[in-house]
Amino acid sequence: MNIYEIAEKAGVSIATVSRVINNNPNVRRETREKVERVLKEMNYTPNAIARSLAVNATKTIGVLTSDVRDSYYANAIYTIEREFGELGYNVILSNTGGAVKKKQEYIKIMLEKKVDGIILVGSVFKEKGSNKHITDAALKVPVVMLNSVISAENIYSVVCDDAKGTGDIVKWLYERGRRKIVYLYDVESFSGLAKIRGFNRAMEEKRLDLKENMLIQVCSGIEGGYEGIKYLEESATNYDAIVASDDLIAAGALKGLMKAGKRVPEDVSIFGYNNSQISQCTTPELSTVDNKVDILASEAVKMLYAVLKGEDISPKKVVAPELVIRGSS
């Protein structure tokens, strides 16, 4: 029986088994006793590889993202690879796409490569259904989720407070006289749902009208924003501000507003989200939210590195976003 099987039978991670084997003090007494019972029952003799897990002798980290072309994910991956490189680790990157099956396959591949830990970049990795493929992986190696949360042993999270981000936009617009605020969004991921909650809550706090056609799901990218404005115009909706769930949708909305003859920001204010390079490539430049992707990625590295060293850390860290005001508002 190997250390992976010991961890599975004890219902803990391999990192926890390794801590017990190496007499690390950062293990609860009940957990230590449970692991020791399994070790004794299986007559398990630790080998050099098992002992090396406490210091991660393989020095390899698996990083998964759904779309490496996305600037948000690309920036996070760049930071993760650079900082782990400085710590003496290699990084293996997998581009999973959005299908659950592919995500499962790539996590399996990472485990077969004997990575020391896994970072899942993006809230799309938390499924609406079962997340067993992630919780099972966490029984073998520590998993850090960047901008998503799954409550299970050996899974850690660093997230941006996206509900605060969209809420702050609504409050800023309200203070400047905007009352007919529309929200355009694409995916209902962990982050996407948080943004919707923040938007709705702020609208309710300010007692602003939240009709059905003020919260509009569109396709992703520039085309989604453009189609959102087309719908608003064709439905004769009265609006004076647009909040988009990301900068690409906001850029498309800006394009749609110009075609509709609307002046920005005189007639309609518009906000994006992510503070990506695209937000500075439009005319006028887009107001947006800096969701601190560099900080999130850096914190994910620190979190995973601390776990690999056997340190006892909080399973979740929250980073506050910041409004970036430019010409579109």
Protein backbone atom coordinates (compact mmCIF):
# COMPACT_ATOMS: atom_id res chain seq x y z
CA MET A 1 0.00 0.00 0.00
CA ASN A 2 1.34 3.41 -0.95
CA ILE A 3 0.87 6.80 0.67
CA TYR A 4 -2.00 7.69 -1.67
CA GLU A 5 -3.95 4.62 -0.56
CA ILE A 6 -3.17 5.37 3.10
CA ALA A 7 -4.55 8.90 2.64
CA GLU A 8 -7.70 7.63 0.93
CA LYS A 9 -8.39 5.00 3.60
CA ALA A 10 -7.85 7.53 6.40
CA GLY A 11 -9.97 10.13 4.61
CA VAL A 12 -7.23 12.77 4.64
CA SER A 13 -4.80 14.31 2.16
CA ILE A 14 -1.38 12.88 1.39
CA ALA A 15 0.07 16.08 2.82
CA THR A 16 -1.57 15.22 6.15
CA VAL A 17 -0.21 11.65 6.00
CA SER A 18 3.21 13.08 5.24
CA ARG A 19 2.99 15.42 8.24
CA VAL A 20 2.15 12.49 10.50
CA ILE A 21 5.02 10.42 9.11
CA ASN A 22 7.42 13.31 9.64
CA ASN A 23 6.08 14.14 13.13
CA ASN A 24 4.97 17.59 12.07
CA PRO A 25 3.20 19.31 15.00
CA ASN A 26 0.61 20.98 12.72
CA VAL A 27 -1.79 18.02 12.80
CA ARG A 28 -4.81 17.74 15.08
CA ARG A 29 -4.59 14.94 17.63
CA GLU A 30 -7.71 13.20 16.34
CA THR A 31 -6.41 13.29 12.76
CA ARG A 32 -2.97 12.07 13.78
CA GLU A 33 -4.44 9.14 15.69
CA LYS A 34 -6.69 8.19 12.74
CA VAL A 35 -3.73 8.18 10.33
CA GLU A 36 -1.52 6.27 12.74
CA ARG A 37 -4.21 3.58 13.13
CA VAL A 38 -4.30 3.09 9.36
CA LEU A 39 -0.50 3.04 9.12
CA LYS A 40 -0.35 0.39 11.84
CA GLU A 41 -3.21 -1.62 10.36
CA MET A 42 -1.54 -1.70 6.95
CA ASN A 43 1.93 -2.29 8.39
CA TYR A 44 3.09 0.66 6.35
CA THR A 45 6.80 1.53 6.20
CA PRO A 46 7.49 5.08 4.95
CA ASN A 47 9.90 5.29 2.06
CA ALA A 48 12.06 8.15 0.89
CA ILE A 49 9.45 9.46 -1.51
CA ALA A 50 6.80 9.54 1.21
CA ARG A 51 9.10 11.41 3.53
CA SER A 52 10.02 13.88 0.81
CA LEU A 53 6.39 14.98 0.45
CA ALA A 54 6.77 17.33 3.40
CA VAL A 55 9.31 19.34 1.44
CA ASN A 56 7.97 18.54 -2.04
CA ALA A 57 10.98 16.91 -3.63
CA THR A 58 9.26 16.66 -7.02
CA LYS A 59 9.16 20.49 -7.14
CA THR A 60 6.33 20.54 -9.69
CA ILE A 61 3.04 22.44 -9.54
CA GLY A 62 0.04 21.77 -11.79
CA VAL A 63 -1.90 24.81 -13.00
CA LEU A 64 -5.23 24.45 -14.80
CA THR A 65 -7.21 27.15 -16.58
CA SER A 66 -10.18 26.98 -18.91
CA ASP A 67 -8.87 29.39 -21.57
CA VAL A 68 -5.28 30.56 -21.61
CA ARG A 69 -6.16 33.20 -24.23
CA ASP A 70 -8.21 35.15 -21.68
CA SER A 71 -6.13 38.05 -20.40
CA TYR A 72 -7.34 37.59 -16.81
CA TYR A 73 -6.23 33.96 -16.75
CA ALA A 74 -3.03 34.74 -18.65
CA ASN A 75 -2.00 37.39 -16.11
CA ALA A 76 -2.68 35.00 -13.23
CA ILE A 77 -0.69 32.19 -14.85
CA TYR A 78 2.23 34.52 -15.57
CA THR A 79 2.43 35.52 -11.90
CA ILE A 80 2.07 31.93 -10.64
CA GLU A 81 4.78 30.59 -12.94
CA ARG A 82 7.18 33.44 -12.18
CA GLU A 83 6.81 33.25 -8.40
CA PHE A 84 6.98 29.48 -8.20
CA GLY A 85 10.00 29.61 -10.49
CA GLU A 86 11.70 31.89 -7.98
CA LEU A 87 10.94 29.29 -5.31
CA GLY A 88 12.63 26.57 -7.38
CA TYR A 89 9.49 24.88 -8.75
CA ASN A 90 8.47 23.90 -12.25
CA VAL A 91 4.92 24.62 -13.44
CA ILE A 92 2.88 22.38 -15.73
CA LEU A 93 0.00 24.20 -17.45
CA SER A 94 -3.17 22.64 -18.85
CA ASN A 95 -5.82 24.44 -20.88
CA THR A 96 -9.02 22.54 -20.07
CA GLY A 97 -11.79 24.36 -21.90
CA GLY A 98 -15.18 24.53 -20.23
CA ALA A 99 -16.34 20.90 -20.40
CA VAL A 100 -16.45 19.09 -17.07
CA LYS A 101 -15.07 15.90 -18.61
CA LYS A 102 -11.97 17.70 -19.86
CA LYS A 103 -11.40 19.30 -16.47
CA GLN A 104 -11.61 15.86 -14.87
CA GLU A 105 -9.19 14.40 -17.42
CA TYR A 106 -6.59 17.13 -16.90
CA ILE A 107 -6.75 16.88 -13.11
CA LYS A 108 -6.14 13.14 -13.47
CA ILE A 109 -3.15 13.84 -15.73
CA MET A 110 -1.71 16.24 -13.16
CA LEU A 111 -1.97 13.59 -10.45
CA GLU A 112 -0.33 11.04 -12.73
CA LYS A 113 2.54 13.51 -13.17
CA LYS A 114 2.94 13.44 -9.37
CA VAL A 115 2.63 17.20 -8.99
CA ASP A 116 3.09 18.51 -5.45
CA GLY A 117 -0.03 20.67 -5.64
CA ILE A 118 -2.66 22.02 -8.02
CA ILE A 119 -3.91 25.56 -8.66
CA LEU A 120 -7.24 25.96 -10.44
CA VAL A 121 -7.34 29.40 -12.07
CA GLY A 122 -10.82 30.85 -12.45
CA SER A 123 -14.24 30.45 -10.88
CA VAL A 124 -15.39 28.16 -13.72
CA PHE A 125 -13.80 25.18 -11.95
CA LYS A 126 -16.56 25.05 -9.35
CA GLU A 127 -19.36 23.08 -10.98
CA LYS A 128 -23.06 23.54 -10.26
CA GLY A 129 -23.27 19.77 -9.88
CA SER A 130 -20.69 17.42 -8.40
CA ASN A 131 -17.16 18.56 -7.58
CA LYS A 132 -16.03 15.09 -6.55
CA HIS A 133 -13.14 15.15 -9.04
CA ILE A 134 -11.70 18.11 -7.14
CA THR A 135 -12.35 16.83 -3.62
CA ASP A 136 -10.89 13.45 -4.59
CA ALA A 137 -7.78 15.15 -5.98
CA ALA A 138 -7.41 17.02 -2.71
CA LEU A 139 -7.07 13.70 -0.89
CA LYS A 140 -3.78 13.29 -2.74
CA VAL A 141 -2.37 16.80 -3.12
CA PRO A 142 -3.31 20.26 -1.83
CA VAL A 143 -5.58 22.21 -4.20
CA VAL A 144 -5.79 26.00 -4.34
CA MET A 145 -8.73 27.59 -6.11
CA LEU A 146 -8.21 31.08 -7.49
CA ASN A 147 -11.50 32.99 -7.25
CA SER A 148 -13.68 30.07 -6.23
CA VAL A 149 -14.51 28.15 -3.06
CA ILE A 150 -15.18 24.49 -2.30
CA SER A 151 -15.34 23.60 1.39
CA ALA A 152 -13.40 20.37 1.80
CA GLU A 153 -10.21 19.15 3.43
CA ASN A 154 -6.99 20.22 1.73
CA ILE A 155 -8.76 22.69 -0.58
CA TYR A 156 -7.76 26.34 -0.17
CA SER A 157 -9.17 29.45 -1.79
CA VAL A 158 -8.14 33.01 -2.56
CA VAL A 159 -11.00 35.11 -3.89
CA CYS A 160 -11.81 38.65 -4.90
CA ASP A 161 -14.88 40.13 -3.21
CA ASP A 162 -16.70 40.50 -6.52
CA ALA A 163 -20.04 41.21 -4.84
CA LYS A 164 -18.43 44.30 -3.33
CA GLY A 165 -17.04 45.25 -6.74
CA THR A 166 -20.38 45.43 -8.55
CA GLY A 167 -22.06 46.90 -5.48
CA ASP A 168 -19.51 49.71 -5.39
CA ILE A 169 -20.21 50.48 -9.06
CA VAL A 170 -23.95 50.84 -8.42
CA LYS A 171 -23.33 53.10 -5.42
CA TRP A 172 -20.88 55.26 -7.39
CA LEU A 173 -23.36 55.65 -10.25
CA TYR A 174 -26.19 56.43 -7.84
CA GLU A 175 -24.20 59.20 -6.19
CA ARG A 176 -23.84 60.79 -9.65
CA GLY A 177 -27.51 60.73 -10.45
CA ARG A 178 -27.85 57.49 -12.40
CA ARG A 179 -31.09 55.66 -11.62
CA LYS A 180 -31.82 53.29 -14.54
CA ILE A 181 -28.89 50.90 -14.25
CA VAL A 182 -28.66 47.74 -16.38
CA TYR A 183 -26.41 44.76 -15.71
CA LEU A 184 -25.04 42.68 -18.62
CA TYR A 185 -23.42 39.35 -17.76
CA ASP A 186 -22.48 36.09 -19.43
CA VAL A 187 -21.60 33.12 -17.20
CA GLU A 188 -23.15 32.10 -13.88
CA SER A 189 -19.88 30.91 -12.36
CA PHE A 190 -18.89 31.36 -8.70
CA SER A 191 -17.56 34.83 -9.49
CA GLY A 192 -20.41 35.60 -11.89
CA LEU A 193 -23.05 34.81 -9.28
CA ALA A 194 -21.22 36.91 -6.68
CA LYS A 195 -21.28 39.88 -9.05
CA ILE A 196 -25.03 39.46 -9.59
CA ARG A 197 -25.61 39.31 -5.83
CA GLY A 198 -23.62 42.48 -5.30
CA PHE A 199 -25.47 44.30 -8.07
CA ASN A 200 -28.91 43.25 -6.81
CA ARG A 201 -28.11 44.06 -3.20
CA ALA A 202 -26.85 47.56 -4.04
CA MET A 203 -29.87 48.25 -6.25
CA GLU A 204 -32.17 47.24 -3.39
CA GLU A 205 -30.23 49.32 -0.86
CA LYS A 206 -30.62 52.39 -3.06
CA ARG A 207 -34.27 51.49 -3.78
CA LEU A 208 -33.64 51.49 -7.50
CA ASP A 209 -36.02 49.83 -9.94
CA LEU A 210 -34.85 46.32 -10.82
CA LYS A 211 -37.13 45.17 -13.61
CA GLU A 212 -36.67 41.87 -15.40
CA ASN A 213 -35.03 43.52 -18.42
CA MET A 214 -32.49 45.35 -16.24
CA LEU A 215 -30.55 42.13 -15.63
CA ILE A 216 -29.62 40.62 -18.98
CA GLN A 217 -27.62 37.49 -19.75
CA VAL A 218 -25.69 37.77 -23.00
CA CYS A 219 -23.11 35.71 -24.85
CA SER A 220 -19.47 36.20 -23.91
CA GLY A 221 -17.15 38.76 -25.45
CA ILE A 222 -17.64 41.93 -27.45
CA GLU A 223 -20.56 40.46 -29.35
CA GLY A 224 -22.45 39.92 -26.10
CA GLY A 225 -22.22 43.57 -25.12
CA TYR A 226 -23.26 44.70 -28.58
CA GLU A 227 -26.29 42.40 -28.58
CA GLY A 228 -27.22 43.57 -25.08
CA ILE A 229 -27.53 47.17 -26.25
CA LYS A 230 -29.44 46.06 -29.33
CA TYR A 231 -31.96 44.32 -27.08
CA LEU A 232 -32.32 47.37 -24.83
CA GLU A 233 -32.93 49.64 -27.80
CA GLU A 234 -35.41 47.32 -29.50
CA SER A 235 -37.34 46.84 -26.25
CA ALA A 236 -37.42 50.63 -25.67
CA THR A 237 -35.91 50.19 -22.20
CA ASN A 238 -35.17 53.40 -20.34
CA TYR A 239 -31.57 53.22 -19.08
CA ASP A 240 -28.81 55.66 -18.19
CA ALA A 241 -26.01 53.32 -17.06
CA ILE A 242 -24.57 49.94 -18.06
CA VAL A 243 -22.60 47.66 -15.76
CA ALA A 244 -20.92 44.73 -17.52
CA SER A 245 -19.50 41.60 -15.90
CA ASP A 246 -16.21 42.02 -17.77
CA ASP A 247 -14.37 44.53 -19.95
CA LEU A 248 -14.98 42.72 -23.24
CA ILE A 249 -18.75 42.85 -22.76
CA ALA A 250 -18.43 46.51 -21.78
CA ALA A 251 -16.41 47.22 -24.95
CA GLY A 252 -19.14 45.60 -27.04
CA ALA A 253 -21.79 47.62 -25.21
CA LEU A 254 -19.84 50.80 -25.94
CA LYS A 255 -19.84 49.87 -29.61
CA GLY A 256 -23.59 49.28 -29.46
CA LEU A 257 -24.23 52.58 -27.73
CA MET A 258 -22.35 54.49 -30.40
CA LYS A 259 -24.39 52.79 -33.14
CA ALA A 260 -27.57 53.70 -31.25
CA GLY A 261 -26.52 57.35 -31.20
CA LYS A 262 -25.97 57.47 -27.43
CA ARG A 263 -23.28 59.72 -26.00
CA VAL A 264 -20.94 58.20 -23.41
CA PRO A 265 -20.88 59.26 -20.64
CA GLU A 266 -23.34 62.14 -21.21
CA ASP A 267 -26.35 59.93 -22.01
CA VAL A 268 -25.16 56.62 -20.62
CA SER A 269 -22.37 55.73 -18.22
CA ILE A 270 -20.68 52.37 -18.66
CA PHE A 271 -18.51 50.20 -16.42
CA GLY A 272 -16.55 47.08 -17.24
CA TYR A 273 -14.87 44.64 -14.86
CA ASN A 274 -11.32 43.20 -14.57
CA ASN A 275 -9.25 46.30 -15.46
CA SER A 276 -7.84 44.47 -18.49
CA GLN A 277 -5.85 46.12 -21.27
CA ILE A 278 -9.01 46.33 -23.37
CA SER A 279 -10.42 48.87 -20.90
CA GLN A 280 -7.77 51.35 -22.04
CA CYS A 281 -8.15 50.62 -25.76
CA THR A 282 -11.63 52.09 -26.21
CA THR A 283 -12.79 55.64 -26.80
CA PRO A 284 -13.62 56.80 -24.23
CA GLU A 285 -11.56 54.54 -22.00
CA LEU A 286 -13.67 52.25 -19.83
CA SER A 287 -14.27 52.74 -16.16
CA THR A 288 -13.86 49.31 -14.59
CA VAL A 289 -13.06 47.33 -11.46
CA ASP A 290 -9.55 46.21 -10.64
CA ASN A 291 -10.10 42.74 -9.19
CA LYS A 292 -6.42 42.48 -8.29
CA VAL A 293 -5.59 39.39 -10.34
CA ASP A 294 -1.85 39.79 -9.69
CA ILE A 295 -2.46 39.84 -5.94
CA LEU A 296 -4.84 36.87 -6.15
CA ALA A 297 -2.26 34.84 -8.07
CA SER A 298 0.56 35.82 -5.72
CA GLU A 299 -1.54 34.90 -2.69
CA ALA A 300 -2.38 31.55 -4.29
CA VAL A 301 1.34 30.84 -4.60
CA LYS A 302 2.01 31.84 -0.98
CA MET A 303 -0.91 29.75 0.20
CA LEU A 304 0.13 26.59 -1.64
CA TYR A 305 3.80 27.01 -0.71
CA ALA A 306 2.86 27.35 2.96
CA VAL A 307 0.77 24.17 2.81
CA LEU A 308 3.60 22.29 1.12
CA LYS A 309 5.91 23.36 3.93
CA GLY A 310 3.46 21.92 6.44
CA GLU A 311 2.29 25.24 7.84
CA ASP A 312 -1.17 25.60 9.36
CA ILE A 313 -3.02 28.30 7.40
CA SER A 314 -6.53 29.64 6.93
CA PRO A 315 -8.32 27.87 4.06
CA LYS A 316 -9.62 31.12 2.57
CA LYS A 317 -8.31 34.60 1.84
CA VAL A 318 -10.41 37.46 0.47
CA VAL A 319 -8.98 40.36 -1.55
CA ALA A 320 -10.89 43.64 -1.91
CA PRO A 321 -11.45 45.07 -5.45
CA GLU A 322 -11.01 48.73 -6.39
CA LEU A 323 -12.94 51.02 -8.72
CA VAL A 324 -10.97 52.50 -11.63
CA ILE A 325 -12.69 55.63 -12.96
CA ARG A 326 -12.08 56.62 -16.57
CA GLY A 327 -13.86 58.48 -19.34
CA SER A 328 -16.87 56.18 -19.83
CA SER A 329 -18.50 57.30 -16.60
